[in-house]
Every structure is written in structure tokens, then in C-alpha cells.
Amino acid sequence: MARKVRLQYPGAMYHVMNRGGRREAVFEDDEDRQRLLETLTEACEKTGLAP
């Protein structure tokens, strides 16, 4: 069953998560995981959102 359509509006906050299909790994290694965290932190800083 597909999820419901996400409501979007100015100032909305969204929860973001990653999950591998068929229980597969999302990250290849800790360096890969750290790169995602750094990218998300940079995006938060640029947009003024709390990390």
C-alpha cells in the first residue's frame, strides 16, 4: 500500500529517513554515513534549520 500524499506548506517540518530495500544496507561504510551527516548539516546551516 502506498503512503498518503505528503502535505506541503511554507514553514513545514519533515522527518527524513533512509531504509534499504529488502533489508539491504543503506551505507557502504562509516565514511559514507559520515558524508551524509555532513551534507545534511550543511543543508541545515544554509537554510537556517536546526540539525
PDB file of N, CA and C in Angstrom:
ATOM      1  N   MET A   1       0.853  -1.177   0.000  1.00  0.00           N
ATOM      2  CA  MET A   1       0.000   0.000   0.000  1.00  0.00           C
ATOM      3  C   MET A   1       0.897   1.238   0.000  1.00  0.00           C
ATOM      4  N   ALA A   2       0.625   2.150  -0.878  1.00  0.00           N
ATOM      5  CA  ALA A   2       1.394   3.389  -0.968  1.00  0.00           C
ATOM      6  C   ALA A   2       1.044   4.312   0.192  1.00  0.00           C
ATOM      7  N   ARG A   3       1.996   5.166   0.553  1.00  0.00           N
ATOM      8  CA  ARG A   3       1.729   6.110   1.638  1.00  0.00           C
ATOM      9  C   ARG A   3       0.854   7.249   1.136  1.00  0.00           C
ATOM     10  N   LYS A   4       0.236   7.939   2.074  1.00  0.00           N
ATOM     11  CA  LYS A   4      -0.598   9.088   1.720  1.00  0.00           C
ATOM     12  C   LYS A   4       0.272  10.227   1.203  1.00  0.00           C
ATOM     13  N   VAL A   5      -0.302  11.097   0.415  1.00  0.00           N
ATOM     14  CA  VAL A   5       0.409  12.243  -0.125  1.00  0.00           C
ATOM     15  C   VAL A   5       0.858  13.149   1.021  1.00  0.00           C
ATOM     16  N   ARG A   6       2.104  13.616   0.958  1.00  0.00           N
ATOM     17  CA  ARG A   6       2.645  14.485   2.000  1.00  0.00           C
ATOM     18  C   ARG A   6       2.068  15.894   1.838  1.00  0.00           C
ATOM     19  N   LEU A   7       1.553  16.444   2.910  1.00  0.00           N
ATOM     20  CA  LEU A   7       1.078  17.818   2.895  1.00  0.00           C
ATOM     21  C   LEU A   7       2.284  18.742   2.921  1.00  0.00           C
ATOM     22  N   GLN A   8       2.287  19.723   2.052  1.00  0.00           N
ATOM     23  CA  GLN A   8       3.391  20.668   1.989  1.00  0.00           C
ATOM     24  C   GLN A   8       2.861  22.085   2.154  1.00  0.00           C
ATOM     25  N   TYR A   9       3.555  22.863   2.981  1.00  0.00           N
ATOM     26  CA  TYR A   9       3.204  24.260   3.174  1.00  0.00           C
ATOM     27  C   TYR A   9       4.422  24.996   3.720  1.00  0.00           C
ATOM     28  N   PRO A  10       4.489  26.305   3.517  1.00  0.00           N
ATOM     29  CA  PRO A  10       5.642  27.084   3.993  1.00  0.00           C
ATOM     30  C   PRO A  10       5.847  26.910   5.500  1.00  0.00           C
ATOM     31  N   GLY A  11       7.087  26.691   5.898  1.00  0.00           N
ATOM     32  CA  GLY A  11       7.414  26.542   7.315  1.00  0.00           C
ATOM     33  C   GLY A  11       7.210  25.137   7.857  1.00  0.00           C
ATOM     34  N   ALA A  12       6.767  24.207   7.014  1.00  0.00           N
ATOM     35  CA  ALA A  12       6.525  22.831   7.476  1.00  0.00           C
ATOM     36  C   ALA A  12       7.848  22.152   7.824  1.00  0.00           C
ATOM     37  N   MET A  13       7.816  21.242   8.773  1.00  0.00           N
ATOM     38  CA  MET A  13       8.978  20.447   9.159  1.00  0.00           C
ATOM     39  C   MET A  13       8.699  19.004   8.740  1.00  0.00           C
ATOM     40  N   TYR A  14       9.710  18.334   8.205  1.00  0.00           N
ATOM     41  CA  TYR A  14       9.545  16.967   7.739  1.00  0.00           C
ATOM     42  C   TYR A  14      10.587  16.056   8.372  1.00  0.00           C
ATOM     43  N   HIS A  15      10.182  14.851   8.658  1.00  0.00           N
ATOM     44  CA  HIS A  15      11.086  13.826   9.182  1.00  0.00           C
ATOM     45  C   HIS A  15      11.654  13.077   7.976  1.00  0.00           C
ATOM     46  N   VAL A  16      12.988  12.984   7.900  1.00  0.00           N
ATOM     47  CA  VAL A  16      13.635  12.317   6.775  1.00  0.00           C
ATOM     48  C   VAL A  16      14.317  11.063   7.289  1.00  0.00           C
ATOM     49  N   MET A  17      14.141   9.960   6.575  1.00  0.00           N
ATOM     50  CA  MET A  17      14.799   8.716   6.975  1.00  0.00           C
ATOM     51  C   MET A  17      15.202   7.921   5.743  1.00  0.00           C
ATOM     52  N   ASN A  18      16.189   7.072   5.903  1.00  0.00           N
ATOM     53  CA  ASN A  18      16.637   6.170   4.855  1.00  0.00           C
ATOM     54  C   ASN A  18      16.462   4.749   5.330  1.00  0.00           C
ATOM     55  N   ARG A  19      16.019   3.904   4.424  1.00  0.00           N
ATOM     56  CA  ARG A  19      15.890   2.489   4.756  1.00  0.00           C
ATOM     57  C   ARG A  19      16.169   1.703   3.488  1.00  0.00           C
ATOM     58  N   GLY A  20      16.998   0.697   3.587  1.00  0.00           N
ATOM     59  CA  GLY A  20      17.333  -0.105   2.424  1.00  0.00           C
ATOM     60  C   GLY A  20      16.215  -1.071   2.071  1.00  0.00           C
ATOM     61  N   GLY A  21      16.034  -1.276   0.782  1.00  0.00           N
ATOM     62  CA  GLY A  21      15.054  -2.251   0.330  1.00  0.00           C
ATOM     63  C   GLY A  21      15.521  -3.664   0.647  1.00  0.00           C
ATOM     64  N   ARG A  22      14.605  -4.536   0.945  1.00  0.00           N
ATOM     65  CA  ARG A  22      14.910  -5.942   1.268  1.00  0.00           C
ATOM     66  C   ARG A  22      15.972  -6.062   2.357  1.00  0.00           C
ATOM     67  N   ARG A  23      15.927  -5.130   3.311  1.00  0.00           N
ATOM     68  CA  ARG A  23      16.860  -5.129   4.455  1.00  0.00           C
ATOM     69  C   ARG A  23      18.325  -4.963   4.036  1.00  0.00           C
ATOM     70  N   GLU A  24      18.554  -4.364   2.862  1.00  0.00           N
ATOM     71  CA  GLU A  24      19.917  -4.120   2.414  1.00  0.00           C
ATOM     72  C   GLU A  24      20.487  -2.904   3.136  1.00  0.00           C
ATOM     73  N   ALA A  25      21.806  -2.844   3.215  1.00  0.00           N
ATOM     74  CA  ALA A  25      22.478  -1.719   3.859  1.00  0.00           C
ATOM     75  C   ALA A  25      22.239  -0.434   3.069  1.00  0.00           C
ATOM     76  N   VAL A  26      22.060   0.662   3.778  1.00  0.00           N
ATOM     77  CA  VAL A  26      21.870   1.967   3.144  1.00  0.00           C
ATOM     78  C   VAL A  26      23.228   2.601   2.874  1.00  0.00           C
ATOM     79  N   PHE A  27      24.194   2.368   3.759  1.00  0.00           N
ATOM     80  CA  PHE A  27      25.526   2.941   3.641  1.00  0.00           C
ATOM     81  C   PHE A  27      26.537   1.837   3.381  1.00  0.00           C
ATOM     82  N   GLU A  28      27.549   2.162   2.591  1.00  0.00           N
ATOM     83  CA  GLU A  28      28.600   1.183   2.319  1.00  0.00           C
ATOM     84  C   GLU A  28      29.544   1.036   3.513  1.00  0.00           C
ATOM     85  N   ASP A  29      29.801   2.165   4.210  1.00  0.00           N
ATOM     86  CA  ASP A  29      30.722   2.135   5.348  1.00  0.00           C
ATOM     87  C   ASP A  29      30.496   3.383   6.205  1.00  0.00           C
ATOM     88  N   ASP A  30      31.262   3.508   7.286  1.00  0.00           N
ATOM     89  CA  ASP A  30      31.114   4.655   8.187  1.00  0.00           C
ATOM     90  C   ASP A  30      31.449   5.975   7.499  1.00  0.00           C
ATOM     91  N   GLU A  31      32.393   5.959   6.560  1.00  0.00           N
ATOM     92  CA  GLU A  31      32.743   7.174   5.820  1.00  0.00           C
ATOM     93  C   GLU A  31      31.546   7.654   4.986  1.00  0.00           C
ATOM     94  N   ASP A  32      30.849   6.723   4.384  1.00  0.00           N
ATOM     95  CA  ASP A  32      29.658   7.036   3.602  1.00  0.00           C
ATOM     96  C   ASP A  32      28.569   7.637   4.500  1.00  0.00           C
ATOM     97  N   ARG A  33      28.382   7.050   5.669  1.00  0.00           N
ATOM     98  CA  ARG A  33      27.396   7.538   6.636  1.00  0.00           C
ATOM     99  C   ARG A  33      27.757   8.945   7.108  1.00  0.00           C
ATOM    100  N   GLN A  34      29.039   9.183   7.378  1.00  0.00           N
ATOM    101  CA  GLN A  34      29.502  10.491   7.834  1.00  0.00           C
ATOM    102  C   GLN A  34      29.298  11.547   6.752  1.00  0.00           C
ATOM    103  N   ARG A  35      29.515  11.180   5.496  1.00  0.00           N
ATOM    104  CA  ARG A  35      29.325  12.115   4.381  1.00  0.00           C
ATOM    105  C   ARG A  35      27.870  12.585   4.327  1.00  0.00           C
ATOM    106  N   LEU A  36      26.927  11.678   4.543  1.00  0.00           N
ATOM    107  CA  LEU A  36      25.517  12.075   4.551  1.00  0.00           C
ATOM    108  C   LEU A  36      25.242  13.047   5.698  1.00  0.00           C
ATOM    109  N   LEU A  37      25.753  12.759   6.880  1.00  0.00           N
ATOM    110  CA  LEU A  37      25.529  13.640   8.030  1.00  0.00           C
ATOM    111  C   LEU A  37      26.113  15.030   7.777  1.00  0.00           C
ATOM    112  N   GLU A  38      27.289  15.087   7.168  1.00  0.00           N
ATOM    113  CA  GLU A  38      27.902  16.374   6.857  1.00  0.00           C
ATOM    114  C   GLU A  38      27.069  17.146   5.837  1.00  0.00           C
ATOM    115  N   THR A  39      26.542  16.448   4.843  1.00  0.00           N
ATOM    116  CA  THR A  39      25.711  17.083   3.822  1.00  0.00           C
ATOM    117  C   THR A  39      24.421  17.627   4.436  1.00  0.00           C
ATOM    118  N   LEU A  40      23.800  16.850   5.319  1.00  0.00           N
ATOM    119  CA  LEU A  40      22.573  17.307   5.978  1.00  0.00           C
ATOM    120  C   LEU A  40      22.856  18.504   6.886  1.00  0.00           C
ATOM    121  N   THR A  41      23.980  18.476   7.594  1.00  0.00           N
ATOM    122  CA  THR A  41      24.350  19.597   8.456  1.00  0.00           C
ATOM    123  C   THR A  41      24.550  20.862   7.628  1.00  0.00           C
ATOM    124  N   GLU A  42      25.236  20.731   6.503  1.00  0.00           N
ATOM    125  CA  GLU A  42      25.461  21.874   5.614  1.00  0.00           C
ATOM    126  C   GLU A  42      24.138  22.429   5.090  1.00  0.00           C
ATOM    127  N   ALA A  43      23.230  21.550   4.714  1.00  0.00           N
ATOM    128  CA  ALA A  43      21.922  21.994   4.222  1.00  0.00           C
ATOM    129  C   ALA A  43      21.147  22.734   5.305  1.00  0.00           C
ATOM    130  N   CYS A  44      21.221  22.230   6.542  1.00  0.00           N
ATOM    131  CA  CYS A  44      20.533  22.878   7.661  1.00  0.00           C
ATOM    132  C   CYS A  44      21.116  24.279   7.915  1.00  0.00           C
ATOM    133  N   GLU A  45      22.426  24.381   7.851  1.00  0.00           N
ATOM    134  CA  GLU A  45      23.076  25.668   8.078  1.00  0.00           C
ATOM    135  C   GLU A  45      22.695  26.676   6.989  1.00  0.00           C
ATOM    136  N   LYS A  46      22.637  26.217   5.748  1.00  0.00           N
ATOM    137  CA  LYS A  46      22.302  27.114   4.636  1.00  0.00           C
ATOM    138  C   LYS A  46      20.857  27.575   4.691  1.00  0.00           C
ATOM    139  N   THR A  47      19.971  26.744   5.210  1.00  0.00           N
ATOM    140  CA  THR A  47      18.551  27.083   5.234  1.00  0.00           C
ATOM    141  C   THR A  47      18.079  27.638   6.574  1.00  0.00           C
ATOM    142  N   GLY A  48      18.965  27.612   7.595  1.00  0.00           N
ATOM    143  CA  GLY A  48      18.592  28.125   8.906  1.00  0.00           C
ATOM    144  C   GLY A  48      17.794  27.139   9.743  1.00  0.00           C
ATOM    145  N   LEU A  49      17.788  25.862   9.353  1.00  0.00           N
ATOM    146  CA  LEU A  49      17.081  24.850  10.128  1.00  0.00           C
ATOM    147  C   LEU A  49      18.010  24.258  11.167  1.00  0.00           C
ATOM    148  N   ALA A  50      17.438  23.770  12.243  1.00  0.00           N
ATOM    149  CA  ALA A  50      18.238  23.111  13.285  1.00  0.00           C
ATOM    150  C   ALA A  50      18.632  21.725  12.794  1.00  0.00           C
ATOM    151  N   PRO A  51      19.884  21.314  12.983  1.00  0.00           N
ATOM    152  CA  PRO A  51      20.312  19.967  12.544  1.00  0.00           C
ATOM    153  C   PRO A  51      19.715  18.882  13.397  1.00  0.00           C
TER     154      PRO A  51
END
